[in-house]
Amino acid sequence: MKGLNFADELHKINDMLMCSKEDFLYSYAYLSEDDYEKTRKYIIDVFKKHYKTNNILADVDTYEENEGDNS
């Protein structure tokens, strides 16, 4: 599915979680900051849907407040 950027490449997701954004983008120089942000947002959306589907309580409101500050 186009638009996932690298969300289907778990080794990159692992690196994304382990590294700073700057280090990740340096290591994967062929990816853009836009690729990084779109993938990050996609992953957050997957988690939010998972939480909702499985009735898992999550602090989505705080995330959305913080996300609005960074946009």
PDB file of N, CA and C in Angstrom:
ATOM      1  N   MET A   1       0.850  -1.177   0.000  1.00  0.00           N
ATOM      2  CA  MET A   1       0.000   0.000   0.000  1.00  0.00           C
ATOM      3  C   MET A   1       0.896   1.240   0.000  1.00  0.00           C
ATOM      4  N   LYS A   2       0.708   2.082  -0.981  1.00  0.00           N
ATOM      5  CA  LYS A   2       1.527   3.285  -1.095  1.00  0.00           C
ATOM      6  C   LYS A   2       1.144   4.276  -0.007  1.00  0.00           C
ATOM      7  N   GLY A   3       2.101   5.037   0.433  1.00  0.00           N
ATOM      8  CA  GLY A   3       1.843   6.018   1.472  1.00  0.00           C
ATOM      9  C   GLY A   3       2.268   5.551   2.851  1.00  0.00           C
ATOM     10  N   LEU A   4       2.625   4.274   2.972  1.00  0.00           N
ATOM     11  CA  LEU A   4       3.077   3.767   4.260  1.00  0.00           C
ATOM     12  C   LEU A   4       4.534   4.104   4.504  1.00  0.00           C
ATOM     13  N   ASN A   5       5.223   4.546   3.467  1.00  0.00           N
ATOM     14  CA  ASN A   5       6.636   4.862   3.534  1.00  0.00           C
ATOM     15  C   ASN A   5       7.410   3.635   3.976  1.00  0.00           C
ATOM     16  N   PHE A   6       7.783   3.517   5.232  1.00  0.00           N
ATOM     17  CA  PHE A   6       8.526   2.338   5.667  1.00  0.00           C
ATOM     18  C   PHE A   6       7.855   1.615   6.830  1.00  0.00           C
ATOM     19  N   ALA A   7       6.560   1.816   7.009  1.00  0.00           N
ATOM     20  CA  ALA A   7       5.843   1.193   8.126  1.00  0.00           C
ATOM     21  C   ALA A   7       5.808  -0.328   8.020  1.00  0.00           C
ATOM     22  N   ASP A   8       6.041  -0.874   6.840  1.00  0.00           N
ATOM     23  CA  ASP A   8       6.042  -2.325   6.663  1.00  0.00           C
ATOM     24  C   ASP A   8       7.443  -2.929   6.771  1.00  0.00           C
ATOM     25  N   GLU A   9       8.429  -2.118   7.169  1.00  0.00           N
ATOM     26  CA  GLU A   9       9.806  -2.594   7.328  1.00  0.00           C
ATOM     27  C   GLU A   9      10.178  -2.502   8.813  1.00  0.00           C
ATOM     28  N   LEU A  10       9.956  -3.612   9.512  1.00  0.00           N
ATOM     29  CA  LEU A  10      10.081  -3.599  10.969  1.00  0.00           C
ATOM     30  C   LEU A  10      11.478  -3.242  11.459  1.00  0.00           C
ATOM     31  N   HIS A  11      12.510  -3.583  10.707  1.00  0.00           N
ATOM     32  CA  HIS A  11      13.861  -3.206  11.143  1.00  0.00           C
ATOM     33  C   HIS A  11      14.026  -1.689  11.167  1.00  0.00           C
ATOM     34  N   LYS A  12      13.366  -0.997  10.239  1.00  0.00           N
ATOM     35  CA  LYS A  12      13.429   0.468  10.239  1.00  0.00           C
ATOM     36  C   LYS A  12      12.593   1.044  11.379  1.00  0.00           C
ATOM     37  N   ILE A  13      11.453   0.433  11.666  1.00  0.00           N
ATOM     38  CA  ILE A  13      10.630   0.891  12.784  1.00  0.00           C
ATOM     39  C   ILE A  13      11.412   0.724  14.084  1.00  0.00           C
ATOM     40  N   ASN A  14      12.096  -0.384  14.226  1.00  0.00           N
ATOM     41  CA  ASN A  14      12.930  -0.590  15.403  1.00  0.00           C
ATOM     42  C   ASN A  14      13.986   0.512  15.517  1.00  0.00           C
ATOM     43  N   ASP A  15      14.652   0.802  14.429  1.00  0.00           N
ATOM     44  CA  ASP A  15      15.657   1.874  14.435  1.00  0.00           C
ATOM     45  C   ASP A  15      15.018   3.225  14.755  1.00  0.00           C
ATOM     46  N   MET A  16      13.829   3.447  14.233  1.00  0.00           N
ATOM     47  CA  MET A  16      13.111   4.698  14.490  1.00  0.00           C
ATOM     48  C   MET A  16      12.851   4.874  15.984  1.00  0.00           C
ATOM     49  N   LEU A  17      12.505   3.770  16.646  1.00  0.00           N
ATOM     50  CA  LEU A  17      12.217   3.820  18.077  1.00  0.00           C
ATOM     51  C   LEU A  17      13.483   3.951  18.917  1.00  0.00           C
ATOM     52  N   MET A  18      14.581   3.466  18.412  1.00  0.00           N
ATOM     53  CA  MET A  18      15.830   3.447  19.170  1.00  0.00           C
ATOM     54  C   MET A  18      16.679   4.703  18.974  1.00  0.00           C
ATOM     55  N   CYS A  19      16.537   5.356  17.849  1.00  0.00           N
ATOM     56  CA  CYS A  19      17.409   6.487  17.485  1.00  0.00           C
ATOM     57  C   CYS A  19      16.660   7.814  17.577  1.00  0.00           C
ATOM     58  N   SER A  20      17.427   8.857  17.661  1.00  0.00           N
ATOM     59  CA  SER A  20      16.808  10.177  17.521  1.00  0.00           C
ATOM     60  C   SER A  20      16.369  10.336  16.062  1.00  0.00           C
ATOM     61  N   LYS A  21      15.476  11.244  15.834  1.00  0.00           N
ATOM     62  CA  LYS A  21      15.005  11.512  14.473  1.00  0.00           C
ATOM     63  C   LYS A  21      16.185  11.872  13.577  1.00  0.00           C
ATOM     64  N   GLU A  22      17.079  12.698  14.075  1.00  0.00           N
ATOM     65  CA  GLU A  22      18.230  13.143  13.287  1.00  0.00           C
ATOM     66  C   GLU A  22      19.139  11.969  12.935  1.00  0.00           C
ATOM     67  N   ASP A  23      19.417  11.108  13.912  1.00  0.00           N
ATOM     68  CA  ASP A  23      20.275   9.944  13.657  1.00  0.00           C
ATOM     69  C   ASP A  23      19.614   8.974  12.683  1.00  0.00           C
ATOM     70  N   PHE A  24      18.319   8.781  12.848  1.00  0.00           N
ATOM     71  CA  PHE A  24      17.603   7.892  11.938  1.00  0.00           C
ATOM     72  C   PHE A  24      17.697   8.405  10.511  1.00  0.00           C
ATOM     73  N   LEU A  25      17.404   9.679  10.317  1.00  0.00           N
ATOM     74  CA  LEU A  25      17.430  10.236   8.963  1.00  0.00           C
ATOM     75  C   LEU A  25      18.841  10.268   8.390  1.00  0.00           C
ATOM     76  N   TYR A  26      19.838  10.395   9.241  1.00  0.00           N
ATOM     77  CA  TYR A  26      21.225  10.330   8.781  1.00  0.00           C
ATOM     78  C   TYR A  26      21.544   8.912   8.304  1.00  0.00           C
ATOM     79  N   SER A  27      21.104   7.915   9.065  1.00  0.00           N
ATOM     80  CA  SER A  27      21.365   6.515   8.711  1.00  0.00           C
ATOM     81  C   SER A  27      20.623   6.084   7.454  1.00  0.00           C
ATOM     82  N   TYR A  28      19.432   6.614   7.277  1.00  0.00           N
ATOM     83  CA  TYR A  28      18.612   6.297   6.104  1.00  0.00           C
ATOM     84  C   TYR A  28      18.463   7.570   5.266  1.00  0.00           C
ATOM     85  N   ALA A  29      19.566   8.019   4.727  1.00  0.00           N
ATOM     86  CA  ALA A  29      19.609   9.308   4.029  1.00  0.00           C
ATOM     87  C   ALA A  29      18.670   9.376   2.831  1.00  0.00           C
ATOM     88  N   TYR A  30      18.285   8.224   2.285  1.00  0.00           N
ATOM     89  CA  TYR A  30      17.377   8.213   1.137  1.00  0.00           C
ATOM     90  C   TYR A  30      15.929   8.474   1.547  1.00  0.00           C
ATOM     91  N   LEU A  31      15.643   8.449   2.853  1.00  0.00           N
ATOM     92  CA  LEU A  31      14.308   8.790   3.345  1.00  0.00           C
ATOM     93  C   LEU A  31      14.272  10.271   3.707  1.00  0.00           C
ATOM     94  N   SER A  32      13.150  10.882   3.455  1.00  0.00           N
ATOM     95  CA  SER A  32      13.002  12.304   3.779  1.00  0.00           C
ATOM     96  C   SER A  32      12.367  12.478   5.159  1.00  0.00           C
ATOM     97  N   GLU A  33      12.424  13.683   5.667  1.00  0.00           N
ATOM     98  CA  GLU A  33      11.744  13.981   6.926  1.00  0.00           C
ATOM     99  C   GLU A  33      10.243  13.761   6.771  1.00  0.00           C
ATOM    100  N   ASP A  34       9.730  14.047   5.582  1.00  0.00           N
ATOM    101  CA  ASP A  34       8.312  13.812   5.309  1.00  0.00           C
ATOM    102  C   ASP A  34       7.984  12.315   5.409  1.00  0.00           C
ATOM    103  N   ASP A  35       8.855  11.452   4.867  1.00  0.00           N
ATOM    104  CA  ASP A  35       8.673  10.002   5.005  1.00  0.00           C
ATOM    105  C   ASP A  35       8.607   9.619   6.475  1.00  0.00           C
ATOM    106  N   TYR A  36       9.526  10.154   7.249  1.00  0.00           N
ATOM    107  CA  TYR A  36       9.596   9.863   8.685  1.00  0.00           C
ATOM    108  C   TYR A  36       8.301  10.273   9.380  1.00  0.00           C
ATOM    109  N   GLU A  37       7.862  11.500   9.141  1.00  0.00           N
ATOM    110  CA  GLU A  37       6.664  12.023   9.813  1.00  0.00           C
ATOM    111  C   GLU A  37       5.404  11.281   9.394  1.00  0.00           C
ATOM    112  N   LYS A  38       5.269  10.986   8.119  1.00  0.00           N
ATOM    113  CA  LYS A  38       4.084  10.258   7.661  1.00  0.00           C
ATOM    114  C   LYS A  38       4.040   8.859   8.250  1.00  0.00           C
ATOM    115  N   THR A  39       5.199   8.215   8.332  1.00  0.00           N
ATOM    116  CA  THR A  39       5.246   6.881   8.922  1.00  0.00           C
ATOM    117  C   THR A  39       4.940   6.948  10.415  1.00  0.00           C
ATOM    118  N   ARG A  40       5.511   7.926  11.107  1.00  0.00           N
ATOM    119  CA  ARG A  40       5.248   8.100  12.537  1.00  0.00           C
ATOM    120  C   ARG A  40       3.752   8.286  12.780  1.00  0.00           C
ATOM    121  N   LYS A  41       3.127   9.139  12.011  1.00  0.00           N
ATOM    122  CA  LYS A  41       1.693   9.388  12.170  1.00  0.00           C
ATOM    123  C   LYS A  41       0.869   8.147  11.833  1.00  0.00           C
ATOM    124  N   TYR A  42       1.290   7.407  10.817  1.00  0.00           N
ATOM    125  CA  TYR A  42       0.597   6.166  10.462  1.00  0.00           C
ATOM    126  C   TYR A  42       0.655   5.177  11.623  1.00  0.00           C
ATOM    127  N   ILE A  43       1.823   5.023  12.219  1.00  0.00           N
ATOM    128  CA  ILE A  43       1.990   4.089  13.336  1.00  0.00           C
ATOM    129  C   ILE A  43       1.129   4.508  14.523  1.00  0.00           C
ATOM    130  N   ILE A  44       1.094   5.791  14.823  1.00  0.00           N
ATOM    131  CA  ILE A  44       0.246   6.288  15.914  1.00  0.00           C
ATOM    132  C   ILE A  44      -1.219   5.972  15.620  1.00  0.00           C
ATOM    133  N   ASP A  45      -1.644   6.180  14.381  1.00  0.00           N
ATOM    134  CA  ASP A  45      -3.033   5.869  14.015  1.00  0.00           C
ATOM    135  C   ASP A  45      -3.343   4.381  14.182  1.00  0.00           C
ATOM    136  N   VAL A  46      -2.381   3.520  13.822  1.00  0.00           N
ATOM    137  CA  VAL A  46      -2.572   2.076  14.001  1.00  0.00           C
ATOM    138  C   VAL A  46      -2.760   1.758  15.481  1.00  0.00           C
ATOM    139  N   PHE A  47      -1.917   2.347  16.329  1.00  0.00           N
ATOM    140  CA  PHE A  47      -2.051   2.123  17.767  1.00  0.00           C
ATOM    141  C   PHE A  47      -3.402   2.620  18.275  1.00  0.00           C
ATOM    142  N   LYS A  48      -3.804   3.803  17.866  1.00  0.00           N
ATOM    143  CA  LYS A  48      -5.085   4.348  18.332  1.00  0.00           C
ATOM    144  C   LYS A  48      -6.245   3.436  17.938  1.00  0.00           C
ATOM    145  N   LYS A  49      -6.225   2.936  16.703  1.00  0.00           N
ATOM    146  CA  LYS A  49      -7.282   2.020  16.262  1.00  0.00           C
ATOM    147  C   LYS A  49      -7.243   0.727  17.064  1.00  0.00           C
ATOM    148  N   HIS A  50      -6.050   0.237  17.332  1.00  0.00           N
ATOM    149  CA  HIS A  50      -5.905  -0.992  18.128  1.00  0.00           C
ATOM    150  C   HIS A  50      -6.469  -0.777  19.530  1.00  0.00           C
ATOM    151  N   TYR A  51      -6.131   0.352  20.135  1.00  0.00           N
ATOM    152  CA  TYR A  51      -6.645   0.654  21.472  1.00  0.00           C
ATOM    153  C   TYR A  51      -8.163   0.692  21.473  1.00  0.00           C
ATOM    154  N   LYS A  52      -8.730   1.379  20.497  1.00  0.00           N
ATOM    155  CA  LYS A  52     -10.186   1.521  20.437  1.00  0.00           C
ATOM    156  C   LYS A  52     -10.858   0.167  20.194  1.00  0.00           C
ATOM    157  N   THR A  53     -10.350  -0.599  19.256  1.00  0.00           N
ATOM    158  CA  THR A  53     -10.915  -1.901  18.914  1.00  0.00           C
ATOM    159  C   THR A  53     -10.879  -2.859  20.092  1.00  0.00           C
ATOM    160  N   ASN A  54      -9.831  -2.765  20.896  1.00  0.00           N
ATOM    161  CA  ASN A  54      -9.640  -3.704  22.005  1.00  0.00           C
ATOM    162  C   ASN A  54      -9.993  -3.104  23.363  1.00  0.00           C
ATOM    163  N   ASN A  55     -10.691  -1.963  23.345  1.00  0.00           N
ATOM    164  CA  ASN A  55     -11.110  -1.297  24.576  1.00  0.00           C
ATOM    165  C   ASN A  55      -9.958  -1.088  25.557  1.00  0.00           C
ATOM    166  N   ILE A  56      -8.825  -0.685  25.029  1.00  0.00           N
ATOM    167  CA  ILE A  56      -7.655  -0.398  25.857  1.00  0.00           C
ATOM    168  C   ILE A  56      -7.669   1.091  26.180  1.00  0.00           C
ATOM    169  N   LEU A  57      -7.591   1.411  27.467  1.00  0.00           N
ATOM    170  CA  LEU A  57      -7.559   2.806  27.870  1.00  0.00           C
ATOM    171  C   LEU A  57      -6.188   3.387  27.526  1.00  0.00           C
ATOM    172  N   ALA A  58      -6.192   4.490  26.820  1.00  0.00           N
ATOM    173  CA  ALA A  58      -4.942   5.152  26.441  1.00  0.00           C
ATOM    174  C   ALA A  58      -5.156   6.654  26.529  1.00  0.00           C
ATOM    175  N   ASP A  59      -4.105   7.374  26.827  1.00  0.00           N
ATOM    176  CA  ASP A  59      -4.171   8.823  26.962  1.00  0.00           C
ATOM    177  C   ASP A  59      -4.053   9.485  25.591  1.00  0.00           C
ATOM    178  N   VAL A  60      -5.044   9.244  24.748  1.00  0.00           N
ATOM    179  CA  VAL A  60      -5.051   9.773  23.391  1.00  0.00           C
ATOM    180  C   VAL A  60      -5.223  11.289  23.399  1.00  0.00           C
ATOM    181  N   ASP A  61      -5.984  11.812  24.353  1.00  0.00           N
ATOM    182  CA  ASP A  61      -6.223  13.253  24.402  1.00  0.00           C
ATOM    183  C   ASP A  61      -4.929  14.028  24.582  1.00  0.00           C
ATOM    184  N   THR A  62      -4.081  13.585  25.501  1.00  0.00           N
ATOM    185  CA  THR A  62      -2.804  14.273  25.712  1.00  0.00           C
ATOM    186  C   THR A  62      -1.943  14.186  24.472  1.00  0.00           C
ATOM    187  N   TYR A  63      -1.913  13.020  23.823  1.00  0.00           N
ATOM    188  CA  TYR A  63      -1.152  12.878  22.585  1.00  0.00           C
ATOM    189  C   TYR A  63      -1.637  13.889  21.555  1.00  0.00           C
ATOM    190  N   GLU A  64      -2.946  13.973  21.382  1.00  0.00           N
ATOM    191  CA  GLU A  64      -3.491  14.872  20.363  1.00  0.00           C
ATOM    192  C   GLU A  64      -3.222  16.333  20.705  1.00  0.00           C
ATOM    193  N   GLU A  65      -3.232  16.685  21.983  1.00  0.00           N
ATOM    194  CA  GLU A  65      -2.888  18.052  22.379  1.00  0.00           C
ATOM    195  C   GLU A  65      -1.432  18.350  22.020  1.00  0.00           C
ATOM    196  N   ASN A  66      -0.539  17.424  22.345  1.00  0.00           N
ATOM    197  CA  ASN A  66       0.880  17.608  22.047  1.00  0.00           C
ATOM    198  C   ASN A  66       1.143  17.608  20.552  1.00  0.00           C
ATOM    199  N   GLU A  67       0.443  16.754  19.823  1.00  0.00           N
ATOM    200  CA  GLU A  67       0.604  16.680  18.381  1.00  0.00           C
ATOM    201  C   GLU A  67       0.201  17.988  17.734  1.00  0.00           C
ATOM    202  N   GLY A  68      -0.842  18.615  18.253  1.00  0.00           N
ATOM    203  CA  GLY A  68      -1.270  19.906  17.731  1.00  0.00           C
ATOM    204  C   GLY A  68      -0.215  20.974  17.927  1.00  0.00           C
ATOM    205  N   ASP A  69       0.560  20.891  19.007  1.00  0.00           N
ATOM    206  CA  ASP A  69       1.634  21.851  19.254  1.00  0.00           C
ATOM    207  C   ASP A  69       2.791  21.686  18.305  1.00  0.00           C
ATOM    208  N   ASN A  70       2.999  20.451  17.769  1.00  0.00           N
ATOM    209  CA  ASN A  70       4.151  20.171  16.925  1.00  0.00           C
ATOM    210  C   ASN A  70       3.855  20.312  15.448  1.00  0.00           C
ATOM    211  N   SER A  71       2.614  20.497  15.080  1.00  0.00           N
ATOM    212  CA  SER A  71       2.254  20.542  13.667  1.00  0.00           C
ATOM    213  C   SER A  71       2.679  21.832  13.016  1.00  0.00           C
TER     214      SER A  71
END
